[in-house]
N, C-alpha and C. Protein backbone atom coordinates (compact mmCIF):
# COMPACT_ATOMS: atom_id res chain seq x y z
N MET A 1 20.35 -6.14 -37.79
CA MET A 1 20.81 -7.15 -38.72
C MET A 1 22.24 -6.84 -39.11
N SER A 2 23.06 -7.84 -39.12
CA SER A 2 24.45 -7.63 -39.46
C SER A 2 24.67 -7.76 -40.96
N THR A 3 25.69 -7.08 -41.41
CA THR A 3 26.09 -7.18 -42.81
C THR A 3 27.54 -7.61 -42.86
N LEU A 4 27.81 -8.52 -43.74
CA LEU A 4 29.15 -9.06 -43.89
C LEU A 4 29.79 -8.43 -45.11
N LYS A 5 30.99 -7.90 -44.92
CA LYS A 5 31.73 -7.31 -46.03
C LYS A 5 33.07 -8.00 -46.14
N ARG A 6 33.50 -8.20 -47.36
CA ARG A 6 34.82 -8.74 -47.63
C ARG A 6 35.64 -7.59 -48.21
N GLN A 7 36.70 -7.24 -47.51
CA GLN A 7 37.48 -6.06 -47.90
C GLN A 7 38.96 -6.39 -47.96
N LYS A 8 39.71 -5.45 -48.58
CA LYS A 8 41.17 -5.52 -48.55
C LYS A 8 41.65 -4.62 -47.43
N ALA A 9 42.62 -5.12 -46.69
CA ALA A 9 43.13 -4.37 -45.54
C ALA A 9 43.94 -3.17 -46.00
N MET A 10 43.63 -2.01 -45.42
CA MET A 10 44.40 -0.79 -45.67
C MET A 10 45.45 -0.59 -44.58
N LYS A 11 45.31 -1.38 -43.51
CA LYS A 11 46.30 -1.35 -42.44
C LYS A 11 46.38 -2.74 -41.83
N HIS A 12 47.29 -2.92 -40.92
CA HIS A 12 47.50 -4.22 -40.27
C HIS A 12 46.39 -4.49 -39.23
N TYR A 13 45.80 -5.70 -39.28
CA TYR A 13 44.80 -6.14 -38.32
C TYR A 13 45.20 -7.50 -37.77
N VAL A 14 44.49 -7.92 -36.74
CA VAL A 14 44.63 -9.27 -36.20
C VAL A 14 43.23 -9.88 -36.20
N CYS A 15 43.12 -11.12 -36.61
CA CYS A 15 41.83 -11.81 -36.65
C CYS A 15 41.19 -11.80 -35.26
N SER A 16 39.91 -11.46 -35.20
CA SER A 16 39.18 -11.37 -33.93
C SER A 16 38.89 -12.73 -33.31
N ASN A 17 38.99 -13.80 -34.09
CA ASN A 17 38.74 -15.13 -33.58
C ASN A 17 39.86 -15.50 -32.61
N SER A 18 39.50 -15.73 -31.35
CA SER A 18 40.51 -15.98 -30.32
C SER A 18 41.31 -17.26 -30.58
N ARG A 19 40.71 -18.23 -31.29
CA ARG A 19 41.43 -19.47 -31.60
C ARG A 19 42.40 -19.29 -32.77
N CYS A 20 42.23 -18.24 -33.53
CA CYS A 20 43.05 -18.03 -34.72
C CYS A 20 44.10 -16.94 -34.47
N ALA A 21 43.65 -15.72 -34.30
CA ALA A 21 44.52 -14.55 -34.07
C ALA A 21 45.60 -14.39 -35.14
N ASN A 22 45.30 -14.82 -36.38
CA ASN A 22 46.25 -14.63 -37.47
C ASN A 22 46.38 -13.16 -37.82
N PRO A 23 47.57 -12.74 -38.20
CA PRO A 23 47.72 -11.35 -38.64
C PRO A 23 47.10 -11.16 -40.02
N ILE A 24 46.52 -10.01 -40.24
CA ILE A 24 45.97 -9.63 -41.55
C ILE A 24 46.82 -8.47 -42.02
N MET A 25 47.59 -8.71 -43.04
CA MET A 25 48.55 -7.72 -43.52
C MET A 25 47.88 -6.78 -44.52
N VAL A 26 48.51 -5.63 -44.75
CA VAL A 26 48.02 -4.66 -45.73
C VAL A 26 47.90 -5.36 -47.08
N GLY A 27 46.74 -5.21 -47.72
CA GLY A 27 46.48 -5.83 -49.02
C GLY A 27 45.78 -7.18 -48.93
N ASP A 28 45.81 -7.81 -47.76
CA ASP A 28 45.11 -9.08 -47.58
C ASP A 28 43.61 -8.83 -47.50
N GLU A 29 42.83 -9.79 -47.98
CA GLU A 29 41.39 -9.69 -47.82
C GLU A 29 40.98 -10.24 -46.47
N TYR A 30 39.89 -9.70 -45.92
CA TYR A 30 39.38 -10.12 -44.63
C TYR A 30 37.88 -9.88 -44.58
N TYR A 31 37.22 -10.49 -43.59
CA TYR A 31 35.80 -10.27 -43.37
C TYR A 31 35.63 -9.22 -42.29
N ARG A 32 34.63 -8.35 -42.48
CA ARG A 32 34.34 -7.29 -41.52
C ARG A 32 32.83 -7.28 -41.32
N PHE A 33 32.40 -7.34 -40.06
CA PHE A 33 30.97 -7.31 -39.78
C PHE A 33 30.72 -6.85 -38.35
N SER A 34 29.51 -6.40 -38.14
CA SER A 34 29.04 -6.07 -36.80
C SER A 34 27.58 -6.46 -36.73
N GLN A 35 27.15 -6.94 -35.57
CA GLN A 35 25.76 -7.36 -35.44
C GLN A 35 24.82 -6.17 -35.47
N ASN A 36 25.25 -5.06 -34.94
CA ASN A 36 24.47 -3.82 -35.03
C ASN A 36 25.41 -2.65 -34.81
N ARG A 37 24.91 -1.47 -34.94
CA ARG A 37 25.78 -0.29 -34.88
C ARG A 37 26.31 0.00 -33.49
N PHE A 38 25.78 -0.68 -32.48
CA PHE A 38 26.23 -0.45 -31.11
C PHE A 38 27.30 -1.44 -30.67
N ARG A 39 27.56 -2.42 -31.46
CA ARG A 39 28.58 -3.42 -31.12
C ARG A 39 29.84 -3.14 -31.93
N PRO A 40 30.98 -3.53 -31.39
CA PRO A 40 32.23 -3.28 -32.12
C PRO A 40 32.31 -4.10 -33.40
N MET A 41 33.05 -3.60 -34.35
CA MET A 41 33.26 -4.27 -35.63
C MET A 41 34.15 -5.49 -35.42
N GLU A 42 33.75 -6.61 -35.98
CA GLU A 42 34.54 -7.84 -35.93
C GLU A 42 35.36 -7.93 -37.20
N ILE A 43 36.60 -8.35 -37.06
CA ILE A 43 37.48 -8.51 -38.21
C ILE A 43 38.01 -9.94 -38.17
N LEU A 44 37.74 -10.68 -39.24
CA LEU A 44 38.16 -12.08 -39.32
C LEU A 44 38.95 -12.33 -40.59
N CYS A 45 39.97 -13.17 -40.48
CA CYS A 45 40.71 -13.56 -41.68
C CYS A 45 39.82 -14.45 -42.54
N LEU A 46 40.23 -14.69 -43.77
CA LEU A 46 39.40 -15.48 -44.69
C LEU A 46 39.22 -16.92 -44.22
N ALA A 47 40.13 -17.43 -43.40
CA ALA A 47 40.01 -18.79 -42.89
C ALA A 47 38.95 -18.89 -41.80
N CYS A 48 38.52 -17.77 -41.26
CA CYS A 48 37.57 -17.76 -40.14
C CYS A 48 36.27 -17.08 -40.53
N LYS A 49 35.67 -17.51 -41.62
CA LYS A 49 34.40 -16.92 -42.04
C LYS A 49 33.40 -16.99 -40.89
N PRO A 50 32.66 -15.92 -40.66
CA PRO A 50 31.71 -15.91 -39.54
C PRO A 50 30.64 -16.99 -39.67
N THR A 51 30.27 -17.52 -38.55
CA THR A 51 29.22 -18.54 -38.51
C THR A 51 27.86 -17.85 -38.39
N ARG A 52 26.80 -18.63 -38.58
CA ARG A 52 25.45 -18.07 -38.42
C ARG A 52 25.24 -17.55 -37.01
N SER A 53 25.80 -18.25 -36.02
CA SER A 53 25.60 -17.82 -34.63
C SER A 53 26.30 -16.49 -34.34
N GLN A 54 27.38 -16.18 -35.06
CA GLN A 54 28.05 -14.90 -34.89
C GLN A 54 27.32 -13.77 -35.59
N MET A 55 26.58 -14.10 -36.62
CA MET A 55 25.97 -13.07 -37.47
C MET A 55 24.59 -12.61 -36.98
N THR A 56 24.06 -13.23 -35.95
CA THR A 56 22.74 -12.82 -35.47
C THR A 56 22.87 -12.08 -34.14
N GLY A 57 21.98 -11.15 -33.93
CA GLY A 57 21.94 -10.42 -32.67
C GLY A 57 21.02 -11.07 -31.66
N SER A 58 20.33 -12.11 -32.05
CA SER A 58 19.39 -12.81 -31.18
C SER A 58 20.12 -13.86 -30.36
N ASP A 59 19.99 -13.78 -29.05
CA ASP A 59 20.60 -14.80 -28.19
C ASP A 59 20.02 -16.17 -28.48
N PHE A 60 18.71 -16.22 -28.70
CA PHE A 60 18.05 -17.48 -28.98
C PHE A 60 18.61 -18.10 -30.27
N LEU A 61 18.60 -17.33 -31.35
CA LEU A 61 19.08 -17.86 -32.63
C LEU A 61 20.57 -18.18 -32.59
N SER A 62 21.33 -17.38 -31.88
CA SER A 62 22.75 -17.66 -31.75
C SER A 62 22.97 -19.02 -31.11
N THR A 63 22.24 -19.30 -30.04
CA THR A 63 22.35 -20.60 -29.38
C THR A 63 21.84 -21.72 -30.28
N MET A 64 20.71 -21.50 -30.94
CA MET A 64 20.15 -22.52 -31.82
C MET A 64 21.10 -22.83 -32.97
N TYR A 65 21.66 -21.80 -33.60
CA TYR A 65 22.60 -22.02 -34.70
C TYR A 65 23.85 -22.74 -34.21
N ALA A 66 24.31 -22.42 -33.03
CA ALA A 66 25.48 -23.10 -32.48
C ALA A 66 25.19 -24.58 -32.27
N ILE A 67 24.01 -24.90 -31.77
CA ILE A 67 23.63 -26.30 -31.58
C ILE A 67 23.56 -27.00 -32.93
N GLU A 68 22.90 -26.37 -33.91
CA GLU A 68 22.77 -27.00 -35.23
C GLU A 68 24.11 -27.14 -35.94
N ASP A 69 24.93 -26.10 -35.91
CA ASP A 69 26.18 -26.11 -36.68
C ASP A 69 27.32 -26.81 -35.95
N ASP A 70 27.46 -26.54 -34.66
CA ASP A 70 28.60 -27.07 -33.92
C ASP A 70 28.35 -28.45 -33.32
N GLU A 71 27.11 -28.78 -33.06
CA GLU A 71 26.81 -30.06 -32.45
C GLU A 71 26.27 -31.05 -33.48
N ILE A 72 25.18 -30.70 -34.13
CA ILE A 72 24.50 -31.65 -35.01
C ILE A 72 25.24 -31.83 -36.34
N ALA A 73 25.53 -30.74 -37.03
CA ALA A 73 26.18 -30.85 -38.35
C ALA A 73 27.60 -31.38 -38.26
N ALA A 74 28.25 -31.20 -37.11
CA ALA A 74 29.64 -31.62 -36.96
C ALA A 74 29.78 -33.10 -36.64
N LEU A 75 28.67 -33.80 -36.45
CA LEU A 75 28.74 -35.22 -36.12
C LEU A 75 29.27 -36.03 -37.29
N SER A 76 29.90 -37.15 -36.96
CA SER A 76 30.41 -38.04 -38.02
C SER A 76 30.05 -39.48 -37.66
N VAL A 77 30.14 -40.35 -38.64
CA VAL A 77 29.81 -41.76 -38.45
C VAL A 77 30.70 -42.38 -37.38
N GLU A 78 31.96 -41.98 -37.32
CA GLU A 78 32.89 -42.56 -36.35
C GLU A 78 32.44 -42.30 -34.91
N GLY A 79 31.75 -41.20 -34.67
CA GLY A 79 31.32 -40.87 -33.33
C GLY A 79 30.00 -41.49 -32.92
N MET A 80 29.40 -42.28 -33.81
CA MET A 80 28.08 -42.82 -33.54
C MET A 80 28.08 -44.01 -32.59
N ASP A 81 29.25 -44.45 -32.12
CA ASP A 81 29.27 -45.53 -31.13
C ASP A 81 28.59 -45.06 -29.84
N GLY A 82 28.73 -43.79 -29.53
CA GLY A 82 28.09 -43.21 -28.35
C GLY A 82 26.90 -42.36 -28.73
N ALA A 83 26.09 -42.84 -29.67
CA ALA A 83 24.98 -42.05 -30.21
C ALA A 83 23.97 -41.64 -29.15
N GLN A 84 23.68 -42.54 -28.21
CA GLN A 84 22.69 -42.22 -27.18
C GLN A 84 23.16 -41.03 -26.33
N GLU A 85 24.43 -41.01 -25.95
CA GLU A 85 24.97 -39.91 -25.15
C GLU A 85 24.98 -38.61 -25.95
N ILE A 86 25.28 -38.72 -27.23
CA ILE A 86 25.28 -37.53 -28.10
C ILE A 86 23.88 -36.94 -28.17
N VAL A 87 22.90 -37.79 -28.43
CA VAL A 87 21.52 -37.33 -28.53
C VAL A 87 21.06 -36.73 -27.19
N GLU A 88 21.40 -37.38 -26.10
CA GLU A 88 21.02 -36.85 -24.79
C GLU A 88 21.65 -35.49 -24.52
N GLY A 89 22.90 -35.32 -24.94
CA GLY A 89 23.58 -34.03 -24.77
C GLY A 89 22.89 -32.92 -25.56
N ILE A 90 22.52 -33.23 -26.80
CA ILE A 90 21.83 -32.24 -27.64
C ILE A 90 20.45 -31.94 -27.06
N ILE A 91 19.76 -32.97 -26.61
CA ILE A 91 18.44 -32.77 -25.99
C ILE A 91 18.58 -31.88 -24.76
N GLY A 92 19.60 -32.10 -23.97
CA GLY A 92 19.82 -31.28 -22.78
C GLY A 92 20.01 -29.81 -23.12
N GLN A 93 20.77 -29.54 -24.16
CA GLN A 93 20.98 -28.15 -24.59
C GLN A 93 19.67 -27.54 -25.09
N LEU A 94 18.91 -28.34 -25.85
CA LEU A 94 17.63 -27.84 -26.37
C LEU A 94 16.62 -27.61 -25.26
N GLU A 95 16.61 -28.49 -24.26
CA GLU A 95 15.69 -28.31 -23.13
C GLU A 95 16.02 -27.02 -22.38
N GLU A 96 17.31 -26.75 -22.21
CA GLU A 96 17.73 -25.52 -21.54
C GLU A 96 17.28 -24.29 -22.34
N LEU A 97 17.44 -24.34 -23.65
CA LEU A 97 17.02 -23.23 -24.51
C LEU A 97 15.50 -23.08 -24.47
N ARG A 98 14.78 -24.19 -24.52
CA ARG A 98 13.32 -24.16 -24.45
C ARG A 98 12.84 -23.56 -23.13
N ASP A 99 13.48 -23.98 -22.02
CA ASP A 99 13.09 -23.47 -20.71
C ASP A 99 13.38 -21.98 -20.57
N GLU A 100 14.51 -21.52 -21.13
CA GLU A 100 14.82 -20.09 -21.11
C GLU A 100 13.77 -19.30 -21.89
N THR A 101 13.35 -19.85 -23.02
CA THR A 101 12.34 -19.19 -23.84
C THR A 101 11.01 -19.12 -23.10
N GLU A 102 10.64 -20.21 -22.45
CA GLU A 102 9.40 -20.22 -21.68
C GLU A 102 9.46 -19.21 -20.53
N GLU A 103 10.61 -19.16 -19.87
CA GLU A 103 10.77 -18.23 -18.75
C GLU A 103 10.65 -16.78 -19.22
N ARG A 104 11.23 -16.48 -20.37
CA ARG A 104 11.12 -15.11 -20.91
C ARG A 104 9.67 -14.74 -21.18
N ARG A 105 8.93 -15.67 -21.74
CA ARG A 105 7.52 -15.39 -22.04
C ARG A 105 6.72 -15.23 -20.76
N GLU A 106 6.97 -16.10 -19.78
CA GLU A 106 6.24 -16.02 -18.53
C GLU A 106 6.56 -14.74 -17.75
N ASN A 107 7.75 -14.20 -17.93
CA ASN A 107 8.15 -12.99 -17.23
C ASN A 107 7.61 -11.72 -17.89
N MET A 108 6.98 -11.88 -19.05
CA MET A 108 6.37 -10.73 -19.72
C MET A 108 5.03 -10.42 -19.05
N PRO A 109 4.63 -9.16 -19.07
CA PRO A 109 3.28 -8.85 -18.58
C PRO A 109 2.24 -9.62 -19.41
N GLU A 110 1.16 -10.02 -18.77
CA GLU A 110 0.14 -10.83 -19.46
C GLU A 110 -0.38 -10.17 -20.72
N SER A 111 -0.48 -8.85 -20.69
CA SER A 111 -1.01 -8.14 -21.86
C SER A 111 -0.08 -8.27 -23.07
N LEU A 112 1.21 -8.52 -22.83
CA LEU A 112 2.16 -8.65 -23.94
C LEU A 112 2.37 -10.09 -24.39
N GLN A 113 1.90 -11.04 -23.59
CA GLN A 113 2.11 -12.43 -23.95
C GLN A 113 1.34 -12.83 -25.21
N ASP A 114 0.27 -12.12 -25.52
CA ASP A 114 -0.48 -12.40 -26.75
C ASP A 114 -0.11 -11.44 -27.87
N ALA A 115 0.84 -10.55 -27.60
CA ALA A 115 1.34 -9.62 -28.62
C ALA A 115 2.34 -10.38 -29.49
N PRO A 116 2.79 -9.76 -30.59
CA PRO A 116 3.72 -10.46 -31.49
C PRO A 116 4.97 -11.02 -30.83
N THR A 117 5.54 -10.31 -29.87
CA THR A 117 6.74 -10.82 -29.20
C THR A 117 6.42 -12.08 -28.40
N GLY A 118 5.32 -12.07 -27.68
CA GLY A 118 4.90 -13.24 -26.92
C GLY A 118 4.60 -14.42 -27.82
N GLU A 119 3.96 -14.14 -28.95
CA GLU A 119 3.65 -15.20 -29.92
C GLU A 119 4.94 -15.78 -30.52
N LEU A 120 5.93 -14.90 -30.76
CA LEU A 120 7.22 -15.37 -31.28
C LEU A 120 7.88 -16.30 -30.27
N LEU A 121 7.89 -15.91 -29.01
CA LEU A 121 8.48 -16.76 -27.98
C LEU A 121 7.74 -18.10 -27.88
N GLN A 122 6.42 -18.08 -27.97
CA GLN A 122 5.65 -19.33 -27.93
C GLN A 122 5.96 -20.20 -29.14
N SER A 123 6.09 -19.57 -30.30
CA SER A 123 6.42 -20.31 -31.52
C SER A 123 7.80 -20.96 -31.40
N ARG A 124 8.75 -20.21 -30.85
CA ARG A 124 10.09 -20.77 -30.65
C ARG A 124 10.06 -21.93 -29.66
N TYR A 125 9.32 -21.76 -28.59
CA TYR A 125 9.17 -22.82 -27.59
C TYR A 125 8.63 -24.09 -28.27
N ASP A 126 7.56 -23.92 -29.04
CA ASP A 126 6.94 -25.07 -29.71
C ASP A 126 7.90 -25.75 -30.68
N SER A 127 8.66 -24.95 -31.44
CA SER A 127 9.60 -25.51 -32.42
C SER A 127 10.72 -26.28 -31.73
N VAL A 128 11.25 -25.74 -30.64
CA VAL A 128 12.32 -26.44 -29.91
C VAL A 128 11.76 -27.71 -29.28
N ASP A 129 10.56 -27.63 -28.74
CA ASP A 129 9.92 -28.81 -28.15
C ASP A 129 9.72 -29.90 -29.21
N GLU A 130 9.37 -29.49 -30.42
CA GLU A 130 9.21 -30.44 -31.53
C GLU A 130 10.56 -31.10 -31.86
N MET A 131 11.63 -30.31 -31.87
CA MET A 131 12.96 -30.87 -32.13
C MET A 131 13.33 -31.91 -31.07
N ILE A 132 13.04 -31.57 -29.81
CA ILE A 132 13.34 -32.50 -28.72
C ILE A 132 12.57 -33.80 -28.92
N GLY A 133 11.31 -33.71 -29.28
CA GLY A 133 10.50 -34.90 -29.53
C GLY A 133 11.06 -35.74 -30.66
N GLU A 134 11.50 -35.10 -31.73
CA GLU A 134 12.08 -35.83 -32.86
C GLU A 134 13.36 -36.54 -32.44
N LEU A 135 14.19 -35.87 -31.64
CA LEU A 135 15.43 -36.50 -31.19
C LEU A 135 15.15 -37.67 -30.24
N GLU A 136 14.15 -37.52 -29.39
CA GLU A 136 13.80 -38.60 -28.46
C GLU A 136 13.26 -39.82 -29.20
N ASP A 137 12.68 -39.62 -30.37
CA ASP A 137 12.12 -40.72 -31.15
C ASP A 137 13.17 -41.50 -31.93
N ILE A 138 14.38 -41.00 -31.99
CA ILE A 138 15.44 -41.68 -32.75
C ILE A 138 15.93 -42.90 -31.97
N GLU A 139 15.90 -44.03 -32.62
CA GLU A 139 16.39 -45.27 -32.03
C GLU A 139 17.90 -45.31 -32.24
N THR A 140 18.67 -45.25 -31.16
CA THR A 140 20.13 -45.14 -31.26
C THR A 140 20.86 -46.43 -30.97
N GLU A 141 20.15 -47.47 -30.69
CA GLU A 141 20.81 -48.73 -30.34
C GLU A 141 21.36 -49.41 -31.58
N ILE A 142 22.56 -49.96 -31.41
CA ILE A 142 23.21 -50.72 -32.48
C ILE A 142 23.40 -52.14 -31.96
N ASP A 143 22.78 -53.09 -32.63
CA ASP A 143 22.81 -54.49 -32.20
C ASP A 143 24.23 -55.04 -32.36
N ASP A 144 24.74 -55.67 -31.29
CA ASP A 144 26.09 -56.24 -31.31
C ASP A 144 26.21 -57.43 -32.26
N GLU A 145 25.08 -58.03 -32.61
CA GLU A 145 25.12 -59.21 -33.47
C GLU A 145 25.24 -58.86 -34.95
N LEU A 146 25.20 -57.58 -35.28
CA LEU A 146 25.32 -57.16 -36.68
C LEU A 146 26.76 -57.30 -37.15
N SER A 147 26.92 -57.51 -38.45
CA SER A 147 28.27 -57.53 -39.03
C SER A 147 28.83 -56.11 -39.02
N GLU A 148 30.12 -55.98 -39.25
CA GLU A 148 30.74 -54.65 -39.24
C GLU A 148 30.13 -53.73 -40.29
N ASP A 149 29.84 -54.27 -41.49
CA ASP A 149 29.22 -53.46 -42.54
C ASP A 149 27.82 -53.02 -42.12
N GLU A 150 27.08 -53.93 -41.50
CA GLU A 150 25.73 -53.60 -41.05
C GLU A 150 25.77 -52.56 -39.92
N LYS A 151 26.78 -52.66 -39.05
CA LYS A 151 26.94 -51.67 -37.99
C LYS A 151 27.23 -50.29 -38.58
N GLU A 152 28.09 -50.24 -39.58
CA GLU A 152 28.41 -48.97 -40.23
C GLU A 152 27.16 -48.38 -40.89
N ASP A 153 26.37 -49.23 -41.54
CA ASP A 153 25.12 -48.77 -42.15
C ASP A 153 24.17 -48.24 -41.09
N ARG A 154 24.09 -48.93 -39.96
CA ARG A 154 23.21 -48.49 -38.87
C ARG A 154 23.68 -47.16 -38.30
N LYS A 155 25.00 -46.99 -38.16
CA LYS A 155 25.55 -45.72 -37.67
C LYS A 155 25.20 -44.59 -38.64
N GLU A 156 25.29 -44.86 -39.94
CA GLU A 156 24.93 -43.85 -40.93
C GLU A 156 23.45 -43.49 -40.85
N GLU A 157 22.60 -44.49 -40.61
CA GLU A 157 21.16 -44.24 -40.44
C GLU A 157 20.90 -43.34 -39.24
N ILE A 158 21.57 -43.64 -38.13
CA ILE A 158 21.40 -42.84 -36.92
C ILE A 158 21.89 -41.42 -37.15
N LEU A 159 23.06 -41.30 -37.76
CA LEU A 159 23.61 -39.98 -38.06
C LEU A 159 22.66 -39.18 -38.93
N GLN A 160 22.13 -39.81 -39.97
CA GLN A 160 21.20 -39.12 -40.87
C GLN A 160 19.94 -38.69 -40.14
N ALA A 161 19.44 -39.54 -39.26
CA ALA A 161 18.23 -39.21 -38.49
C ALA A 161 18.48 -38.01 -37.58
N ILE A 162 19.65 -37.97 -36.95
CA ILE A 162 19.99 -36.84 -36.08
C ILE A 162 20.12 -35.56 -36.90
N GLN A 163 20.83 -35.66 -38.03
CA GLN A 163 21.06 -34.46 -38.84
C GLN A 163 19.82 -33.98 -39.59
N ASP A 164 18.80 -34.83 -39.68
CA ASP A 164 17.55 -34.41 -40.30
C ASP A 164 16.72 -33.53 -39.37
N VAL A 165 17.05 -33.53 -38.09
CA VAL A 165 16.34 -32.70 -37.12
C VAL A 165 16.88 -31.28 -37.22
N CYS A 166 15.97 -30.33 -37.46
CA CYS A 166 16.41 -28.94 -37.56
C CYS A 166 15.33 -27.99 -37.04
N TYR A 167 15.76 -26.78 -36.74
CA TYR A 167 14.86 -25.77 -36.22
C TYR A 167 14.05 -25.20 -37.37
N ASN A 168 12.73 -25.21 -37.23
CA ASN A 168 11.84 -24.71 -38.29
C ASN A 168 11.06 -23.48 -37.87
N GLY A 169 11.52 -22.79 -36.87
CA GLY A 169 10.81 -21.62 -36.38
C GLY A 169 11.37 -20.31 -36.92
N GLU A 170 10.91 -19.22 -36.28
CA GLU A 170 11.33 -17.89 -36.70
C GLU A 170 12.51 -17.44 -35.87
């Protein structure tokens, strides 16, 4: 489990975020964390607070958090003109994650598939499958005969329906 610390710099650092790379000067505050004691320490400027996907050591949760935070939560009403393509893209990512989870469980010895780790993988599979089903049930069509205000309301409904879908597993 990672721990996040906010510290004052005692020496000069550079933000670990490749898109940022801002200098952190002596006396500036910064974030410092590592996913575990075997991984290098990450140093981020205050503008680059770590995301949930960076803070977990689980590949599954890292991918799930990235989908939820970077794909679903980042959606806006303006982008809802292509709602069907957006939903299909998210479903595609979730199907890939679900299939990887199933493959991991199937590659375990049979005696371990009913052990806690196997049950966790099955639970994750079921939760992702449930998310996919919820996304597939969302009606994304916007009738061309609607007024502009009605279209905006419909886009907001679609956006809300997509953002209401979330991972409920372990």
